[in-house]
Amino acid sequence: MHMSFKAIRLKYSKPIYEREIAVALTKIKLSGNVLEASKYRETDIWEEIKSILKGVFEHRASEIILTIKLNCAQMIEKQALIVFINGLPKHLKLVLKARDPTLEEAMQMAKDEEIEHNSKVKIENLQNKVEQQDFDIEVSRGG
């Protein structure tokens, strides 16, 4: 629609026929979504036409704003994921880069991998202690 609200809005102090002409001209210019939205509604009153126009165009603006916000949130999450992965120890970094997770998945995977890694280190340390004790016992027996 190429006409602005200000161009077609008339003050209530204008004679009734001027308002009716403005409403009629506005209705002629309606097209697309606005025409569809006004098809089955009473549109002989300027306030009603104005309400329909606002409903159609405000809704569209809201969709655009939501899309932009969603894209920004996704970019921020991707940046946070990159920073998170790059801050991890090398063994975790490699595992997570190979899986291409979301930030939440990466955090959970990092926790799980760290638990598994720490368990392996503890087991190796215990095995080394046992081997050292066995060796010490063997040496003390003279063997």
Protein backbone atom coordinates (compact mmCIF):
# COMPACT_ATOMS: atom_id res chain seq x y z
CA MET A 1 0.00 0.00 0.00
CA HIS A 2 1.55 3.27 -1.12
CA MET A 3 -0.58 5.69 0.87
CA SER A 4 0.42 6.63 4.41
CA PHE A 5 -1.93 6.80 7.35
CA LYS A 6 -1.26 10.52 7.63
CA ALA A 7 -2.16 11.12 3.98
CA ILE A 8 -5.61 9.57 4.30
CA ARG A 9 -6.49 10.29 7.92
CA LEU A 10 -9.04 13.03 8.37
CA LYS A 11 -9.84 14.79 11.58
CA TYR A 12 -13.31 14.29 13.04
CA SER A 13 -14.01 17.97 12.57
CA LYS A 14 -14.22 17.40 8.79
CA PRO A 15 -17.68 16.97 7.30
CA ILE A 16 -18.99 13.41 7.20
CA TYR A 17 -18.91 13.14 3.39
CA GLU A 18 -15.15 13.90 3.34
CA ARG A 19 -14.53 11.05 5.77
CA GLU A 20 -16.73 8.76 3.69
CA ILE A 21 -14.77 9.69 0.55
CA ALA A 22 -11.48 9.00 2.36
CA VAL A 23 -12.77 5.60 3.54
CA ALA A 24 -13.96 4.75 0.02
CA LEU A 25 -10.62 5.77 -1.54
CA THR A 26 -8.73 3.77 1.06
CA LYS A 27 -10.86 0.68 0.41
CA ILE A 28 -10.16 0.97 -3.34
CA LYS A 29 -6.41 0.93 -2.65
CA LEU A 30 -6.50 -2.14 -0.38
CA SER A 31 -4.65 -5.15 -1.77
CA GLY A 32 -2.88 -8.35 -0.72
CA ASN A 33 -3.04 -9.30 2.95
CA VAL A 34 -4.92 -6.13 3.90
CA LEU A 35 -7.63 -6.85 1.33
CA GLU A 36 -7.93 -10.43 2.59
CA ALA A 37 -8.09 -9.26 6.22
CA SER A 38 -10.81 -6.71 5.46
CA LYS A 39 -12.92 -8.81 3.06
CA TYR A 40 -15.46 -10.05 5.60
CA ARG A 41 -15.33 -7.19 8.08
CA GLU A 42 -17.23 -3.94 8.34
CA THR A 43 -14.92 -1.41 6.71
CA ASP A 44 -17.07 1.69 6.30
CA ILE A 45 -15.55 3.31 9.38
CA TRP A 46 -12.05 4.76 9.29
CA GLU A 47 -11.15 3.43 12.73
CA GLU A 48 -11.99 -0.11 11.58
CA ILE A 49 -9.82 0.23 8.44
CA LYS A 50 -7.02 1.66 10.55
CA SER A 51 -7.32 -1.29 12.95
CA ILE A 52 -7.12 -3.78 10.03
CA LEU A 53 -4.07 -2.01 8.58
CA LYS A 54 -2.32 -1.98 11.93
CA GLY A 55 -3.12 -5.64 12.50
CA VAL A 56 -1.69 -6.72 9.16
CA PHE A 57 1.40 -4.52 9.16
CA GLU A 58 2.25 -4.75 12.86
CA HIS A 59 2.04 -8.53 12.68
CA ARG A 60 4.45 -8.60 9.72
CA ALA A 61 6.87 -6.32 11.51
CA SER A 62 6.70 -8.61 14.52
CA GLU A 63 7.54 -11.63 12.35
CA ILE A 64 10.54 -9.82 10.89
CA ILE A 65 11.73 -8.72 14.32
CA LEU A 66 11.34 -12.25 15.69
CA THR A 67 13.27 -13.67 12.73
CA ILE A 68 16.09 -11.18 13.27
CA LYS A 69 16.17 -11.97 17.00
CA LEU A 70 16.24 -15.70 16.28
CA ASN A 71 19.13 -15.28 13.83
CA CYS A 72 21.04 -13.19 16.37
CA ALA A 73 20.44 -15.76 19.10
CA GLN A 74 21.68 -18.54 16.82
CA MET A 75 24.81 -16.56 15.93
CA ILE A 76 25.48 -15.83 19.60
CA GLU A 77 25.03 -19.50 20.51
CA LYS A 78 27.41 -20.54 17.72
CA GLN A 79 30.01 -18.02 18.96
CA ALA A 80 29.57 -19.26 22.53
CA LEU A 81 30.04 -22.84 21.30
CA ILE A 82 33.27 -21.91 19.52
CA VAL A 83 34.62 -20.11 22.59
CA PHE A 84 33.58 -22.99 24.86
CA ILE A 85 35.20 -25.67 22.69
CA ASN A 86 38.39 -23.66 22.20
CA GLY A 87 38.76 -23.28 25.96
CA LEU A 88 38.73 -27.04 26.57
CA PRO A 89 41.73 -29.33 26.95
CA LYS A 90 42.95 -30.74 23.63
CA HIS A 91 41.54 -34.26 24.14
CA LEU A 92 38.03 -32.83 24.71
CA LYS A 93 38.32 -30.22 21.98
CA LEU A 94 39.00 -32.87 19.33
CA VAL A 95 36.10 -35.06 20.45
CA LEU A 96 33.59 -32.18 20.41
CA LYS A 97 34.71 -30.69 17.11
CA ALA A 98 34.21 -34.08 15.49
CA ARG A 99 30.60 -34.30 16.74
CA ASP A 100 29.37 -30.76 15.78
CA PRO A 101 27.02 -30.38 18.80
CA THR A 102 24.87 -27.51 20.04
CA LEU A 103 26.21 -25.54 23.01
CA GLU A 104 24.10 -27.50 25.51
CA GLU A 105 25.12 -30.82 23.95
CA ALA A 106 28.77 -29.73 23.96
CA MET A 107 28.60 -28.87 27.65
CA GLN A 108 27.05 -32.24 28.51
CA MET A 109 29.50 -34.12 26.28
CA ALA A 110 32.42 -32.26 27.83
CA LYS A 111 31.22 -33.23 31.31
CA ASP A 112 30.78 -36.86 30.28
CA GLU A 113 34.13 -37.00 28.48
CA GLU A 114 35.89 -35.35 31.41
CA ILE A 115 34.41 -37.88 33.84
CA GLU A 116 35.50 -40.72 31.57
CA HIS A 117 38.98 -39.21 31.13
CA ASN A 118 39.42 -38.67 34.88
CA SER A 119 38.29 -42.25 35.54
CA LYS A 120 40.87 -43.59 33.10
CA VAL A 121 43.59 -41.50 34.73
CA LYS A 122 42.61 -42.76 38.20
CA ILE A 123 42.59 -46.37 36.99
CA GLU A 124 46.03 -45.92 35.40
CA ASN A 125 47.35 -44.35 38.61
CA LEU A 126 45.94 -47.22 40.68
CA GLN A 127 47.43 -49.76 38.28
CA ASN A 128 50.80 -48.01 38.51
CA LYS A 129 50.59 -48.05 42.33
CA VAL A 130 49.71 -51.74 42.33
CA GLU A 131 52.56 -52.48 39.94
CA GLN A 132 54.92 -50.42 42.10
CA GLN A 133 53.76 -52.24 45.24
CA ASP A 134 54.21 -55.58 43.50
CA PHE A 135 57.67 -54.52 42.44
CA ASP A 136 58.52 -53.32 45.96
CA ILE A 137 57.29 -56.64 47.42
CA GLU A 138 59.35 -58.55 44.85
CA VAL A 139 62.46 -56.50 45.66
CA SER A 140 61.95 -56.91 49.41
CA ARG A 141 61.75 -60.69 48.98
CA GLY A 142 65.00 -60.59 47.19
CA GLY A 143 63.71 -61.39 43.79
